[in-house]
C-alpha atoms as a PDB file:
ATOM      1  CA  MET A   1     -96.801 -23.990 -25.791  1.00  0.00           C
ATOM      2  CA  SER A   2     -96.659 -20.676 -23.970  1.00  0.00           C
ATOM      3  CA  HIS A   3     -97.246 -17.336 -25.694  1.00  0.00           C
ATOM      4  CA  ALA A   4     -93.565 -16.510 -25.156  1.00  0.00           C
ATOM      5  CA  GLU A   5     -92.480 -19.670 -26.956  1.00  0.00           C
ATOM      6  CA  ALA A   6     -94.934 -19.040 -29.792  1.00  0.00           C
ATOM      7  CA  SER A   7     -93.363 -15.619 -30.384  1.00  0.00           C
ATOM      8  CA  HIS A   8     -90.116 -17.263 -31.529  1.00  0.00           C
ATOM      9  CA  GLN A   9     -89.857 -18.549 -35.078  1.00  0.00           C
ATOM     10  CA  PHE A  10     -87.839 -21.425 -36.497  1.00  0.00           C
ATOM     11  CA  THR A  11     -84.612 -20.141 -38.029  1.00  0.00           C
ATOM     12  CA  PRO A  12     -82.497 -22.049 -40.563  1.00  0.00           C
ATOM     13  CA  VAL A  13     -79.021 -22.585 -39.100  1.00  0.00           C
ATOM     14  CA  ALA A  14     -77.271 -25.325 -41.117  1.00  0.00           C
ATOM     15  CA  HIS A  15     -77.585 -28.131 -43.605  1.00  0.00           C
ATOM     16  CA  ALA A  16     -77.944 -31.579 -42.096  1.00  0.00           C
ATOM     17  CA  ALA A  17     -74.954 -32.711 -44.141  1.00  0.00           C
ATOM     18  CA  ASP A  18     -72.767 -30.131 -42.385  1.00  0.00           C
ATOM     19  CA  LEU A  19     -72.572 -32.355 -39.304  1.00  0.00           C
ATOM     20  CA  THR A  20     -71.564 -35.985 -38.976  1.00  0.00           C
ATOM     21  CA  ASP A  21     -72.624 -38.265 -36.123  1.00  0.00           C
ATOM     22  CA  LYS A  22     -71.379 -36.870 -32.757  1.00  0.00           C
ATOM     23  CA  GLY A  23     -70.504 -33.631 -34.531  1.00  0.00           C
ATOM     24  CA  ARG A  24     -71.205 -30.168 -33.166  1.00  0.00           C
ATOM     25  CA  MET A  25     -71.009 -26.598 -34.402  1.00  0.00           C
ATOM     26  CA  VAL A  26     -71.726 -23.108 -33.121  1.00  0.00           C
ATOM     27  CA  VAL A  27     -74.743 -21.320 -34.583  1.00  0.00           C
ATOM     28  CA  GLU A  28     -76.302 -17.952 -33.803  1.00  0.00           C
ATOM     29  CA  VAL A  29     -80.055 -17.493 -33.433  1.00  0.00           C
ATOM     30  CA  GLU A  30     -81.573 -14.177 -32.368  1.00  0.00           C
ATOM     31  CA  ASP A  31     -78.156 -12.910 -31.177  1.00  0.00           C
ATOM     32  CA  ARG A  32     -77.761 -16.035 -29.035  1.00  0.00           C
ATOM     33  CA  LEU A  33     -74.867 -18.487 -29.441  1.00  0.00           C
ATOM     34  CA  LEU A  34     -75.954 -22.120 -29.471  1.00  0.00           C
ATOM     35  CA  VAL A  35     -74.184 -25.411 -29.958  1.00  0.00           C
ATOM     36  CA  LEU A  36     -75.864 -27.585 -32.581  1.00  0.00           C
ATOM     37  CA  VAL A  37     -75.253 -31.296 -31.993  1.00  0.00           C
ATOM     38  CA  ARG A  38     -75.927 -34.329 -34.147  1.00  0.00           C
ATOM     39  CA  VAL A  39     -76.416 -37.812 -32.652  1.00  0.00           C
ATOM     40  CA  GLY A  40     -77.237 -40.361 -35.322  1.00  0.00           C
ATOM     41  CA  ASP A  41     -79.969 -38.778 -37.425  1.00  0.00           C
ATOM     42  CA  ASP A  42     -81.174 -36.505 -34.629  1.00  0.00           C
ATOM     43  CA  PHE A  43     -80.198 -32.878 -34.079  1.00  0.00           C
ATOM     44  CA  PHE A  44     -80.216 -30.909 -30.834  1.00  0.00           C
ATOM     45  CA  ALA A  45     -79.493 -27.307 -29.857  1.00  0.00           C
ATOM     46  CA  LEU A  46     -78.309 -25.986 -26.495  1.00  0.00           C
ATOM     47  CA  ASP A  47     -77.040 -22.681 -25.184  1.00  0.00           C
ATOM     48  CA  ASP A  48     -73.289 -22.824 -25.802  1.00  0.00           C
ATOM     49  CA  VAL A  49     -72.479 -22.373 -22.145  1.00  0.00           C
ATOM     50  CA  CYS A  50     -71.527 -24.628 -19.255  1.00  0.00           C
ATOM     51  CA  THR A  51     -73.550 -23.482 -16.245  1.00  0.00           C
ATOM     52  CA  HIS A  52     -70.638 -24.339 -13.951  1.00  0.00           C
ATOM     53  CA  ASP A  53     -68.153 -21.735 -15.185  1.00  0.00           C
ATOM     54  CA  ASP A  54     -69.637 -20.271 -18.418  1.00  0.00           C
ATOM     55  CA  GLY A  55     -67.215 -22.188 -20.642  1.00  0.00           C
ATOM     56  CA  PRO A  56     -68.248 -23.041 -24.234  1.00  0.00           C
ATOM     57  CA  LEU A  57     -69.763 -26.512 -24.597  1.00  0.00           C
ATOM     58  CA  SER A  58     -68.990 -26.460 -28.310  1.00  0.00           C
ATOM     59  CA  ASP A  59     -65.322 -27.146 -27.477  1.00  0.00           C
ATOM     60  CA  GLY A  60     -66.283 -30.402 -25.764  1.00  0.00           C
ATOM     61  CA  THR A  61     -66.954 -33.923 -26.972  1.00  0.00           C
ATOM     62  CA  VAL A  62     -70.254 -35.742 -27.567  1.00  0.00           C
ATOM     63  CA  ASP A  63     -70.924 -39.274 -26.366  1.00  0.00           C
ATOM     64  CA  ASP A  64     -74.232 -41.112 -25.943  1.00  0.00           C
ATOM     65  CA  TYR A  65     -76.482 -38.005 -25.917  1.00  0.00           C
ATOM     66  CA  ALA A  66     -74.118 -36.164 -23.551  1.00  0.00           C
ATOM     67  CA  ILE A  67     -71.815 -33.255 -24.298  1.00  0.00           C
ATOM     68  CA  ALA A  68     -68.886 -32.704 -21.916  1.00  0.00           C
ATOM     69  CA  CYS A  69     -67.443 -29.319 -21.026  1.00  0.00           C
ATOM     70  CA  PRO A  70     -63.682 -29.501 -21.715  1.00  0.00           C
ATOM     71  CA  ARG A  71     -62.760 -27.339 -18.718  1.00  0.00           C
ATOM     72  CA  HIS A  72     -63.895 -29.474 -15.768  1.00  0.00           C
ATOM     73  CA  GLY A  73     -65.754 -32.396 -17.333  1.00  0.00           C
ATOM     74  CA  ALA A  74     -69.353 -31.423 -16.511  1.00  0.00           C
ATOM     75  CA  LYS A  75     -71.776 -33.259 -18.809  1.00  0.00           C
ATOM     76  CA  PHE A  76     -75.153 -32.119 -20.135  1.00  0.00           C
ATOM     77  CA  ASP A  77     -77.911 -34.104 -21.841  1.00  0.00           C
ATOM     78  CA  VAL A  78     -78.173 -32.710 -25.368  1.00  0.00           C
ATOM     79  CA  ARG A  79     -81.876 -33.617 -25.479  1.00  0.00           C
ATOM     80  CA  THR A  80     -82.984 -31.527 -22.494  1.00  0.00           C
ATOM     81  CA  GLY A  81     -79.971 -29.534 -21.302  1.00  0.00           C
ATOM     82  CA  ALA A  82     -80.047 -31.386 -17.966  1.00  0.00           C
ATOM     83  CA  ALA A  83     -76.830 -31.376 -15.942  1.00  0.00           C
ATOM     84  CA  LEU A  84     -75.703 -34.999 -15.720  1.00  0.00           C
ATOM     85  CA  THR A  85     -72.493 -34.777 -13.719  1.00  0.00           C
ATOM     86  CA  MET A  86     -70.858 -32.375 -11.319  1.00  0.00           C
ATOM     87  CA  PRO A  87     -69.390 -29.831 -11.069  1.00  0.00           C
ATOM     88  CA  ALA A  88     -72.430 -28.554 -12.988  1.00  0.00           C
ATOM     89  CA  THR A  89     -75.568 -28.407 -10.843  1.00  0.00           C
ATOM     90  CA  ARG A  90     -77.925 -26.446 -13.111  1.00  0.00           C
ATOM     91  CA  PRO A  91     -79.196 -27.302 -16.596  1.00  0.00           C
ATOM     92  CA  THR A  92     -78.309 -25.314 -19.655  1.00  0.00           C
ATOM     93  CA  GLN A  93     -81.143 -24.201 -21.949  1.00  0.00           C
ATOM     94  CA  ALA A  94     -82.239 -26.599 -24.699  1.00  0.00           C
ATOM     95  CA  HIS A  95     -84.073 -25.351 -27.780  1.00  0.00           C
ATOM     96  CA  ASP A  96     -86.460 -26.771 -30.389  1.00  0.00           C
ATOM     97  CA  VAL A  97     -84.989 -28.294 -33.562  1.00  0.00           C
ATOM     98  CA  GLU A  98     -86.615 -29.424 -36.795  1.00  0.00           C
ATOM     99  CA  VAL A  99     -85.112 -30.861 -39.978  1.00  0.00           C
ATOM    100  CA  ARG A 100     -86.926 -30.154 -43.254  1.00  0.00           C
ATOM    101  CA  ASP A 101     -85.630 -31.193 -46.656  1.00  0.00           C
ATOM    102  CA  GLY A 102     -82.083 -31.451 -45.398  1.00  0.00           C
ATOM    103  CA  GLN A 103     -82.170 -28.049 -43.660  1.00  0.00           C
ATOM    104  CA  VAL A 104     -81.838 -27.742 -39.862  1.00  0.00           C
ATOM    105  CA  TYR A 105     -84.069 -25.166 -38.151  1.00  0.00           C
ATOM    106  CA  VAL A 106     -83.890 -23.974 -34.531  1.00  0.00           C
ATOM    107  CA  ARG A 107     -86.454 -22.132 -32.442  1.00  0.00           C
ATOM    108  CA  ILE A 108     -85.383 -20.378 -29.251  1.00  0.00           C
ATOM    109  CA  ARG A 109     -87.095 -21.530 -26.079  1.00  0.00           C
ATOM    110  CA  SER A 110     -87.562 -19.235 -23.081  1.00  0.00           C
ATOM    111  CA  THR A 111     -88.405 -22.013 -20.609  1.00  0.00           C
ATOM    112  CA  PRO A 112     -86.800 -25.397 -19.876  1.00  0.00           C
ATOM    113  CA  LYS A 113     -88.094 -28.474 -21.628  1.00  0.00           C
ATOM    114  CA  THR A 114     -90.517 -30.294 -19.355  1.00  0.00           C
ATOM    115  CA  ALA A 115     -90.144 -33.773 -20.839  1.00  0.00           C
ATOM    116  CA  GLU A 116     -86.906 -34.925 -19.297  1.00  0.00           C
ATOM    117  CA  ALA A 117     -85.010 -37.511 -21.290  1.00  0.00           C
ATOM    118  CA  PRO A 118     -83.754 -40.645 -19.522  1.00  0.00           C
ATOM    119  CA  HIS A 119     -80.434 -40.297 -17.734  1.00  0.00           C
ATOM    120  CA  LEU A 120     -77.401 -41.946 -19.187  1.00  0.00           C
ATOM    121  CA  PRO A 121     -76.629 -45.437 -17.871  1.00  0.00           C
ATOM    122  CA  GLY A 122     -75.219 -45.308 -14.353  1.00  0.00           C
ATOM    123  CA  GLN A 123     -75.800 -41.574 -13.940  1.00  0.00           C
ATOM    124  CA  LYS A 124     -78.046 -39.460 -11.732  1.00  0.00           C
ATOM    125  CA  PRO A 125     -79.041 -35.854 -12.453  1.00  0.00           C
ATOM    126  CA  ALA A 126     -76.584 -33.467 -10.842  1.00  0.00           C
ATOM    127  CA  PHE A 127     -78.902 -30.489 -10.466  1.00  0.00           C
ATOM    128  CA  VAL A 128     -80.283 -31.370  -7.043  1.00  0.00           C
ATOM    129  CA  SER A 129     -81.486 -28.415  -4.968  1.00  0.00           C
ATOM    130  CA  THR A 130     -81.653 -29.712  -1.426  1.00  0.00           C
ATOM    131  CA  SER A 131     -80.289 -29.024   2.001  1.00  0.00           C
ATOM    132  CA  ASP A 132     -80.280 -32.730   2.886  1.00  0.00           C
ATOM    133  CA  PRO A 133     -77.055 -34.554   1.885  1.00  0.00           C
ATOM    134  CA  ALA A 134     -78.895 -37.877   1.992  1.00  0.00           C
ATOM    135  CA  ALA A 135     -81.450 -36.569  -0.477  1.00  0.00           C
ATOM    136  CA  ALA A 136     -78.669 -35.243  -2.694  1.00  0.00           C
ATOM    137  CA  ALA A 137     -77.092 -38.679  -2.798  1.00  0.00           C
ATOM    138  CA  THR A 138     -80.333 -40.278  -4.019  1.00  0.00           C
ATOM    139  CA  GLY A 139     -81.309 -37.510  -6.410  1.00  0.00           C
ATOM    140  CA  GLU A 140     -84.508 -36.657  -4.514  1.00  0.00           C
ATOM    141  CA  LEU A 141     -85.527 -33.018  -4.625  1.00  0.00           C
ATOM    142  CA  ALA A 142     -86.137 -30.977  -1.488  1.00  0.00           C
ATOM    143  CA  PRO A 143     -86.436 -27.238  -0.863  1.00  0.00           C
ATOM    144  CA  ALA A 144     -83.220 -25.355  -0.245  1.00  0.00           C
ATOM    145  CA  GLN A 145     -82.786 -24.156   3.321  1.00  0.00           C
ATOM    146  CA  GLY A 146     -80.423 -21.216   2.782  1.00  0.00           C
ATOM    147  CA  GLU A 147     -77.094 -20.912   4.561  1.00  0.00           C
ATOM    148  CA  LEU A 148     -75.435 -23.907   6.159  1.00  0.00           C
ATOM    149  CA  ALA A 149     -75.644 -24.196   9.932  1.00  0.00           C
ATOM    150  CA  PRO A 150     -72.470 -23.181  11.793  1.00  0.00           C
ATOM    151  CA  PRO A 151     -70.044 -26.105  12.109  1.00  0.00           C
ATOM    152  CA  PRO A 152     -70.147 -27.854  15.481  1.00  0.00           C
ATOM    153  CA  VAL A 153     -67.376 -27.358  18.034  1.00  0.00           C
ATOM    154  CA  GLU A 154     -64.515 -29.725  17.282  1.00  0.00           C
ATOM    155  CA  PRO A 155     -63.704 -32.128  20.153  1.00  0.00           C
ATOM    156  CA  GLU A 156     -60.236 -32.085  21.681  1.00  0.00           C
ATOM    157  CA  ARG A 157     -57.658 -33.987  19.657  1.00  0.00           C
ATOM    158  CA  SER A 158     -54.008 -33.818  18.673  1.00  0.00           C
ATOM    159  CA  VAL A 159     -53.324 -31.401  15.850  1.00  0.00           C
ATOM    160  CA  SER A 160     -52.032 -33.268  12.796  1.00  0.00           C
ATOM    161  CA  GLU A 161     -52.609 -33.223   9.066  1.00  0.00           C
ATOM    162  CA  ASP A 162     -54.986 -36.169   9.418  1.00  0.00           C
ATOM    163  CA  SER A 163     -57.003 -34.446  12.148  1.00  0.00           C
ATOM    164  CA  VAL A 164     -57.146 -31.228  10.106  1.00  0.00           C
ATOM    165  CA  ARG A 165     -58.435 -33.045   7.026  1.00  0.00           C
ATOM    166  CA  GLU A 166     -60.933 -34.981   9.138  1.00  0.00           C
ATOM    167  CA  ALA A 167     -62.240 -31.724  10.630  1.00  0.00           C
ATOM    168  CA  LEU A 168     -62.547 -30.168   7.164  1.00  0.00           C
ATOM    169  CA  LYS A 169     -64.948 -32.950   6.165  1.00  0.00           C
ATOM    170  CA  GLN A 170     -67.532 -30.963   8.136  1.00  0.00           C
ATOM    171  CA  VAL A 171     -67.393 -28.270   5.443  1.00  0.00           C
ATOM    172  CA  ILE A 172     -69.968 -29.158   2.798  1.00  0.00           C
ATOM    173  CA  ASP A 173     -70.228 -27.638  -0.676  1.00  0.00           C
ATOM    174  CA  PRO A 174     -73.670 -25.915  -0.633  1.00  0.00           C
ATOM    175  CA  GLU A 175     -74.433 -26.887  -4.235  1.00  0.00           C
ATOM    176  CA  LEU A 176     -73.087 -30.447  -4.422  1.00  0.00           C
ATOM    177  CA  PHE A 177     -73.565 -31.490  -0.769  1.00  0.00           C
ATOM    178  CA  VAL A 178     -70.204 -33.246  -0.698  1.00  0.00           C
ATOM    179  CA  ASN A 179     -67.477 -32.309   1.770  1.00  0.00           C
ATOM    180  CA  ILE A 180     -64.508 -30.331   0.466  1.00  0.00           C
ATOM    181  CA  VAL A 181     -61.973 -33.043   1.324  1.00  0.00           C
ATOM    182  CA  ASP A 182     -63.732 -35.743  -0.710  1.00  0.00           C
ATOM    183  CA  LEU A 183     -64.219 -33.216  -3.516  1.00  0.00           C
ATOM    184  CA  GLY A 184     -60.444 -32.831  -3.636  1.00  0.00           C
ATOM    185  CA  LEU A 185     -60.420 -29.116  -2.861  1.00  0.00           C
ATOM    186  CA  ILE A 186     -57.663 -29.320  -0.204  1.00  0.00           C
ATOM    187  CA  TYR A 187     -54.246 -29.240  -1.846  1.00  0.00           C
ATOM    188  CA  ASN A 188     -51.909 -28.809   1.111  1.00  0.00           C
ATOM    189  CA  VAL A 189     -51.942 -28.714   4.924  1.00  0.00           C
ATOM    190  CA  SER A 190     -49.091 -27.291   7.005  1.00  0.00           C
ATOM    191  CA  ILE A 191     -48.872 -27.038  10.800  1.00  0.00           C
ATOM    192  CA  ASP A 192     -46.395 -24.839  12.707  1.00  0.00           C
ATOM    193  CA  GLU A 193     -45.945 -24.665  16.467  1.00  0.00           C
ATOM    194  CA  GLN A 194     -46.176 -21.246  18.079  1.00  0.00           C
ATOM    195  CA  THR A 195     -44.151 -19.964  21.062  1.00  0.00           C
ATOM    196  CA  ASP A 196     -47.160 -20.576  23.322  1.00  0.00           C
ATOM    197  CA  GLY A 197     -47.215 -24.245  22.362  1.00  0.00           C
ATOM    198  CA  LYS A 198     -50.346 -23.903  20.226  1.00  0.00           C
ATOM    199  CA  LYS A 199     -50.525 -24.600  16.498  1.00  0.00           C
ATOM    200  CA  HIS A 200     -50.773 -22.399  13.435  1.00  0.00           C
ATOM    201  CA  VAL A 201     -52.639 -24.241  10.657  1.00  0.00           C
ATOM    202  CA  ALA A 202     -52.360 -23.158   7.018  1.00  0.00           C
ATOM    203  CA  ILE A 203     -54.175 -24.838   4.130  1.00  0.00           C
ATOM    204  CA  ASP A 204     -54.023 -24.392   0.372  1.00  0.00           C
ATOM    205  CA  MET A 205     -57.537 -24.726  -0.976  1.00  0.00           C
ATOM    206  CA  THR A 206     -58.991 -24.578  -4.474  1.00  0.00           C
ATOM    207  CA  MET A 207     -62.460 -24.308  -6.028  1.00  0.00           C
ATOM    208  CA  THR A 208     -64.141 -26.263  -8.792  1.00  0.00           C
ATOM    209  CA  SER A 209     -63.931 -23.090 -10.898  1.00  0.00           C
ATOM    210  CA  PRO A 210     -62.398 -19.611 -10.440  1.00  0.00           C
ATOM    211  CA  ALA A 211     -65.871 -18.049 -10.361  1.00  0.00           C
ATOM    212  CA  CYS A 212     -67.363 -20.496  -7.824  1.00  0.00           C
ATOM    213  CA  PRO A 213     -70.057 -18.494  -5.971  1.00  0.00           C
ATOM    214  CA  ALA A 214     -69.662 -20.652  -2.849  1.00  0.00           C
ATOM    215  CA  GLY A 215     -65.974 -19.752  -2.477  1.00  0.00           C
ATOM    216  CA  PRO A 216     -66.243 -17.166   0.323  1.00  0.00           C
ATOM    217  CA  GLN A 217     -68.606 -19.385   2.305  1.00  0.00           C
ATOM    218  CA  LEU A 218     -66.338 -22.444   1.993  1.00  0.00           C
ATOM    219  CA  ILE A 219     -63.273 -20.458   3.056  1.00  0.00           C
ATOM    220  CA  GLN A 220     -65.005 -18.968   6.094  1.00  0.00           C
ATOM    221  CA  ASN A 221     -66.490 -22.320   7.149  1.00  0.00           C
ATOM    222  CA  SER A 222     -63.040 -23.902   6.867  1.00  0.00           C
ATOM    223  CA  LYS A 223     -61.569 -21.243   9.154  1.00  0.00           C
ATOM    224  CA  ASP A 224     -64.405 -21.720  11.635  1.00  0.00           C
ATOM    225  CA  VAL A 225     -63.996 -25.499  11.747  1.00  0.00           C
ATOM    226  CA  LEU A 226     -60.230 -25.411  12.196  1.00  0.00           C
ATOM    227  CA  GLY A 227     -60.393 -22.607  14.728  1.00  0.00           C
ATOM    228  CA  ARG A 228     -62.524 -24.832  16.959  1.00  0.00           C
ATOM    229  CA  ILE A 229     -59.848 -27.528  17.223  1.00  0.00           C
ATOM    230  CA  ASP A 230     -58.324 -27.478  20.680  1.00  0.00           C
ATOM    231  CA  GLY A 231     -54.700 -26.384  20.482  1.00  0.00           C
ATOM    232  CA  VAL A 232     -55.071 -24.289  17.318  1.00  0.00           C
ATOM    233  CA  SER A 233     -54.385 -20.588  17.794  1.00  0.00           C
ATOM    234  CA  ALA A 234     -54.383 -19.326  14.198  1.00  0.00           C
ATOM    235  CA  VAL A 235     -55.732 -20.454  10.818  1.00  0.00           C
ATOM    236  CA  ASP A 236     -54.827 -19.269   7.339  1.00  0.00           C
ATOM    237  CA  VAL A 237     -56.662 -20.385   4.202  1.00  0.00           C
ATOM    238  CA  LYS A 238     -54.953 -19.639   0.900  1.00  0.00           C
ATOM    239  CA  LEU A 239     -57.009 -19.915  -2.282  1.00  0.00           C
ATOM    240  CA  VAL A 240     -54.997 -21.399  -5.158  1.00  0.00           C
ATOM    241  CA  MET A 241     -56.096 -22.213  -8.707  1.00  0.00           C
ATOM    242  CA  ILE A 242     -52.925 -23.942  -9.952  1.00  0.00           C
ATOM    243  CA  PRO A 243     -53.131 -26.749 -10.712  1.00  0.00           C
ATOM    244  CA  PRO A 244     -56.790 -26.290 -11.692  1.00  0.00           C
ATOM    245  CA  TRP A 245     -59.312 -28.630 -10.082  1.00  0.00           C
ATOM    246  CA  THR A 246     -60.514 -31.589 -12.174  1.00  0.00           C
ATOM    247  CA  PRO A 247     -63.091 -34.297 -11.333  1.00  0.00           C
ATOM    248  CA  ASP A 248     -60.382 -36.952 -11.001  1.00  0.00           C
ATOM    249  CA  ARG A 249     -59.386 -35.342  -7.671  1.00  0.00           C
ATOM    250  CA  MET A 250     -62.596 -36.640  -6.065  1.00  0.00           C
ATOM    251  CA  THR A 251     -62.567 -39.653  -3.792  1.00  0.00           C
ATOM    252  CA  GLU A 252     -64.617 -42.768  -4.507  1.00  0.00           C
ATOM    253  CA  ALA A 253     -66.988 -41.689  -1.733  1.00  0.00           C
ATOM    254  CA  ALA A 254     -67.689 -38.426  -3.548  1.00  0.00           C
ATOM    255  CA  ARG A 255     -68.192 -40.213  -6.854  1.00  0.00           C
ATOM    256  CA  ASP A 256     -70.639 -42.635  -5.261  1.00  0.00           C
ATOM    257  CA  GLN A 257     -72.600 -39.805  -3.643  1.00  0.00           C
ATOM    258  CA  LEU A 258     -72.861 -37.927  -6.943  1.00  0.00           C
ATOM    259  CA  GLY A 259     -73.714 -41.027  -8.955  1.00  0.00           C
ATOM    260  CA  ILE A 260     -70.526 -40.947 -11.041  1.00  0.00           C
ATOM    261  CA  PHE A 261     -69.295 -44.390 -12.002  1.00  0.00           C
END
């Protein structure tokens, strides 16, 4: 245990009888809001925050050592805080819990737990930091490589909704390493012919959350890709948040790549 961890003391937060199996409650320790979870006779404590969009995990449901954020369905392992499913890619902080004489105590941790609990059946960890999509699909870790390379020049083709969506598959989410079409981020495609015979392409595009940090990059890359299609003279990308994105918008290909079954 590090000196920083040793500086924190166990704090009583609840009686064991206050929670039933799969129950959860919000507790405060050292001015920090946590969600206390019970699975069987075991108790766990996590920061009450989804690392995808800062939503409260305490409003979600618990199933088989996983708590699901109610906003977009991201799941976290209650034992370690590990992100189990997208759109979350980073773990939330797990803390130490002890039960003594029917009283539940929590000690704040400053560092992640190093002993990672097994993944849920059929799931891979979602917090993969890699620039290699193939590595992301297998869950192997690799160093991040920074910004994505500029999209290649699009070969000549007729301008249609199908060709626009196919071109947009070159735009890859920098956190999830899945293209924006398979993620279900493209809501609408419209194509208008200009007086010079070229096409004006407009797309309605969403994000996995309103505060998605990759938003500006995804919008610019989309414009770049579509602007390289022969016959396209103008591109507009409109960001829309209604209806809000949900994981059920993903294609089977995206689910397979992210290990969601």
